[in-house]
Amino acid sequence: PKLKTVCLPKAFHSYSDISYSRRCCVSGVMRDIGALAKHPNLPKHNQKANVKSIGEWLSLRSSVIRIVVDGGVNDPDLTELDLSRFSKLRTFEIGDNCFGFVVAFKLVGLSKLNRVIIGKHCFTYHTDNTQTCRFCVKECPKLKVLKIGPCSFSHYSVCEIEKVDALEVMEIGYLNKISDNFDHASLELKSEFILNA
């Protein structure tokens, strides 16, 4: 009841909610502590995340709507990137030279995803067994833009793009020169449509 100072720098940053009582009793008098919600030392929920390290990637909340990954985010222990837990995600952008050890990249069932941009030289894991490398975008009904920079997914053997009926723009690599994207894969574009009789 005598609490006067609160300082929580970067505390609880992985927790999705912070609760507090709006009223408390101080010396027998009820006081409103609602102003605590606006206190600068309390962590604020950020729905837009800029990621600069693997640690920041692993601590992302599932409720983010926009993720921007700066270049150079790599870790040999991170071999699969599955974004299905980010159910509210709308935009996913990756800078150059990221996720070099990832052999499975999945964007599946993201109903709000609208835009995916991947830079150059990403997902470049090299192995003699290319059948282990999979790129999968499925059941993202609002996805309109998919752009992949040159030399990304160069050793991937599977490229599946399925049930993305809103897709308007798909760019992979350079227009007029070799890009080394999906060198060991065939491209499958699958969509269901209904003809009105």
Protein backbone atom coordinates (compact mmCIF):
# COMPACT_ATOMS: atom_id res chain seq x y z
CA PRO A 1 0.00 0.00 0.00
CA LYS A 2 2.96 2.38 0.39
CA LEU A 3 4.41 1.74 -3.05
CA LYS A 4 5.61 5.04 -4.56
CA THR A 5 8.23 4.10 -7.11
CA VAL A 6 7.97 1.44 -9.83
CA CYS A 7 10.86 0.68 -12.17
CA LEU A 8 10.63 -2.43 -14.37
CA PRO A 9 13.03 -1.90 -17.28
CA LYS A 10 12.61 -4.74 -19.77
CA ALA A 11 10.91 -6.91 -17.15
CA PHE A 12 8.11 -9.25 -18.25
CA HIS A 13 8.84 -8.48 -21.91
CA SER A 14 7.93 -12.02 -23.02
CA TYR A 15 4.63 -12.04 -21.17
CA SER A 16 1.54 -11.12 -23.17
CA ASP A 17 -0.31 -9.17 -20.51
CA ILE A 18 0.34 -7.10 -17.40
CA SER A 19 -2.48 -6.59 -14.93
CA TYR A 20 -2.80 -4.32 -11.95
CA SER A 21 -5.56 -3.25 -9.61
CA ARG A 22 -6.96 0.15 -10.49
CA ARG A 23 -7.83 0.94 -6.88
CA CYS A 24 -5.94 0.34 -3.69
CA CYS A 25 -6.31 1.34 -0.10
CA VAL A 26 -3.63 3.68 1.26
CA SER A 27 -3.97 4.71 4.92
CA GLY A 28 -7.66 3.80 4.88
CA VAL A 29 -8.32 5.95 1.79
CA MET A 30 -9.17 4.40 -1.61
CA ARG A 31 -6.88 5.76 -4.33
CA ASP A 32 -6.98 5.25 -8.10
CA ILE A 33 -3.70 3.89 -9.46
CA GLY A 34 -4.87 3.75 -13.09
CA ALA A 35 -2.06 6.14 -14.06
CA LEU A 36 0.34 3.26 -13.50
CA ALA A 37 -0.76 1.84 -16.85
CA LYS A 38 0.88 4.82 -18.58
CA HIS A 39 4.03 4.74 -16.51
CA PRO A 40 7.12 4.89 -18.79
CA ASN A 41 8.91 2.10 -16.91
CA LEU A 42 6.20 -0.47 -17.58
CA PRO A 43 6.78 -2.49 -20.77
CA LYS A 44 4.39 -1.72 -23.59
CA HIS A 45 3.01 -4.36 -25.93
CA ASN A 46 4.57 -3.80 -29.35
CA GLN A 47 2.62 -5.29 -32.23
CA LYS A 48 5.41 -4.35 -34.63
CA ALA A 49 8.69 -6.13 -34.01
CA ASN A 50 12.11 -5.31 -35.42
CA VAL A 51 14.36 -8.32 -34.92
CA LYS A 52 18.15 -8.00 -34.89
CA SER A 53 19.23 -11.23 -33.21
CA ILE A 54 18.18 -14.83 -32.69
CA GLY A 55 17.39 -14.00 -29.05
CA GLU A 56 14.92 -11.34 -30.16
CA TRP A 57 13.42 -13.75 -32.69
CA LEU A 58 12.86 -16.44 -30.05
CA SER A 59 11.22 -13.97 -27.65
CA LEU A 60 8.62 -12.64 -30.13
CA ARG A 61 5.04 -12.68 -28.92
CA SER A 62 2.52 -14.63 -30.96
CA SER A 63 0.29 -11.55 -31.26
CA VAL A 64 2.65 -9.43 -33.41
CA ILE A 65 1.18 -8.12 -36.65
CA ARG A 66 4.42 -7.04 -38.34
CA ILE A 67 7.88 -8.60 -38.16
CA VAL A 68 10.96 -7.05 -39.75
CA VAL A 69 14.17 -9.08 -39.48
CA ASP A 70 17.37 -7.11 -40.00
CA GLY A 71 20.17 -8.64 -42.04
CA GLY A 72 22.58 -11.19 -40.64
CA VAL A 73 20.29 -13.07 -38.23
CA ASN A 74 21.75 -16.60 -38.28
CA ASP A 75 22.14 -19.46 -35.83
CA PRO A 76 23.22 -23.04 -36.57
CA ASP A 77 20.71 -24.32 -34.00
CA LEU A 78 17.77 -22.72 -35.82
CA THR A 79 17.02 -25.12 -38.67
CA GLU A 80 13.24 -24.71 -39.00
CA LEU A 81 11.26 -21.49 -39.32
CA ASP A 82 7.54 -22.09 -38.81
CA LEU A 83 5.47 -18.92 -38.48
CA SER A 84 2.14 -20.61 -37.75
CA ARG A 85 2.13 -19.37 -34.14
CA PHE A 86 1.87 -15.75 -35.36
CA SER A 87 -1.86 -15.96 -36.11
CA LYS A 88 -2.29 -12.17 -36.40
CA LEU A 89 0.74 -11.59 -38.61
CA ARG A 90 0.12 -9.31 -41.60
CA THR A 91 3.61 -8.41 -42.80
CA PHE A 92 6.83 -10.43 -42.70
CA GLU A 93 10.04 -8.88 -44.03
CA ILE A 94 13.56 -10.31 -43.93
CA GLY A 95 16.74 -8.41 -44.78
CA ASP A 96 19.74 -9.88 -46.60
CA ASN A 97 21.89 -12.80 -45.35
CA CYS A 98 19.42 -14.19 -42.81
CA PHE A 99 18.49 -17.66 -41.57
CA GLY A 100 21.36 -19.32 -43.39
CA PHE A 101 20.99 -22.63 -41.51
CA VAL A 102 17.22 -23.03 -41.88
CA VAL A 103 16.19 -26.03 -44.01
CA ALA A 104 12.41 -25.75 -43.57
CA PHE A 105 10.48 -22.50 -43.96
CA LYS A 106 6.70 -22.65 -43.40
CA LEU A 107 3.97 -20.06 -43.75
CA VAL A 108 0.85 -22.17 -43.26
CA GLY A 109 -2.66 -21.15 -42.21
CA LEU A 110 -1.93 -17.47 -41.62
CA SER A 111 -5.33 -15.97 -42.37
CA LYS A 112 -4.26 -12.33 -42.03
CA LEU A 113 -0.89 -12.47 -43.78
CA ASN A 114 -0.78 -9.90 -46.58
CA ARG A 115 2.86 -9.35 -47.52
CA VAL A 116 6.10 -11.38 -47.46
CA ILE A 117 9.44 -9.86 -48.51
CA ILE A 118 12.67 -11.88 -48.30
CA GLY A 119 16.06 -10.34 -49.10
CA LYS A 120 19.14 -11.68 -50.88
CA HIS A 121 21.22 -14.69 -49.78
CA CYS A 122 18.70 -15.94 -47.21
CA PHE A 123 18.02 -19.59 -46.38
CA THR A 124 21.22 -20.66 -48.12
CA TYR A 125 21.96 -23.84 -46.19
CA HIS A 126 24.08 -26.12 -48.36
CA THR A 127 23.80 -29.87 -48.07
CA ASP A 128 24.33 -32.82 -50.37
CA ASN A 129 20.85 -34.00 -49.39
CA THR A 130 18.75 -31.22 -50.92
CA GLN A 131 15.54 -33.17 -50.30
CA THR A 132 15.60 -31.95 -46.72
CA CYS A 133 15.13 -28.29 -47.71
CA ARG A 134 11.48 -27.18 -48.00
CA PHE A 135 9.77 -23.84 -48.69
CA CYS A 136 6.05 -23.92 -48.01
CA VAL A 137 3.39 -21.20 -48.29
CA LYS A 138 -0.12 -22.62 -47.87
CA GLU A 139 -3.58 -21.49 -46.85
CA CYS A 140 -2.81 -17.80 -46.60
CA PRO A 141 -5.99 -16.41 -48.20
CA LYS A 142 -5.06 -12.71 -47.92
CA LEU A 143 -1.47 -12.95 -49.16
CA LYS A 144 -1.09 -10.43 -51.99
CA VAL A 145 2.68 -9.92 -52.26
CA LEU A 146 5.47 -12.52 -52.20
CA LYS A 147 8.97 -11.30 -53.09
CA ILE A 148 12.17 -13.31 -52.76
CA GLY A 149 15.61 -11.84 -53.45
CA PRO A 150 18.31 -13.51 -55.57
CA CYS A 151 20.34 -16.41 -54.15
CA SER A 152 17.76 -17.11 -51.45
CA PHE A 153 16.59 -20.73 -51.04
CA SER A 154 19.33 -21.70 -53.49
CA HIS A 155 19.59 -25.32 -52.31
CA TYR A 156 15.93 -25.94 -51.53
CA SER A 157 14.41 -28.95 -53.28
CA VAL A 158 10.75 -28.17 -52.56
CA CYS A 159 8.85 -24.97 -53.31
CA GLU A 160 5.14 -25.21 -52.56
CA ILE A 161 2.79 -22.27 -52.94
CA GLU A 162 -0.79 -23.41 -52.43
CA LYS A 163 -4.17 -21.84 -51.65
CA VAL A 164 -3.05 -18.23 -51.88
CA ASP A 165 -5.95 -17.03 -54.02
CA ALA A 166 -5.40 -13.32 -53.33
CA LEU A 167 -1.79 -13.39 -54.61
CA GLU A 168 -1.22 -10.48 -57.01
CA VAL A 169 2.57 -10.08 -57.04
CA MET A 170 5.16 -12.86 -57.00
CA GLU A 171 8.79 -11.97 -57.68
CA ILE A 172 11.63 -14.46 -57.29
CA GLY A 173 15.20 -13.35 -58.04
CA TYR A 174 16.42 -11.06 -60.81
CA LEU A 175 14.44 -10.46 -63.99
CA ASN A 176 17.13 -10.86 -66.64
CA LYS A 177 19.99 -12.76 -65.04
CA ILE A 178 20.69 -15.92 -63.10
CA SER A 179 19.40 -15.72 -59.55
CA ASP A 180 20.09 -19.18 -58.08
CA ASN A 181 16.71 -19.47 -56.39
CA PHE A 182 15.38 -23.01 -55.82
CA ASP A 183 18.03 -24.58 -58.05
CA HIS A 184 16.95 -28.11 -57.06
CA ALA A 185 13.19 -27.57 -57.05
CA SER A 186 10.25 -27.44 -59.36
CA LEU A 187 7.65 -24.74 -58.79
CA GLU A 188 4.12 -25.74 -57.87
CA LEU A 189 1.36 -23.15 -57.85
CA LYS A 190 -1.92 -24.64 -56.66
CA SER A 191 -5.26 -22.94 -56.27
CA GLU A 192 -8.90 -23.95 -56.17
CA PHE A 193 -11.49 -21.93 -57.98
CA ILE A 194 -15.19 -22.22 -58.68
CA LEU A 195 -16.74 -21.43 -62.06
CA ASN A 196 -20.21 -19.92 -61.88
CA ALA A 197 -22.55 -21.72 -64.27
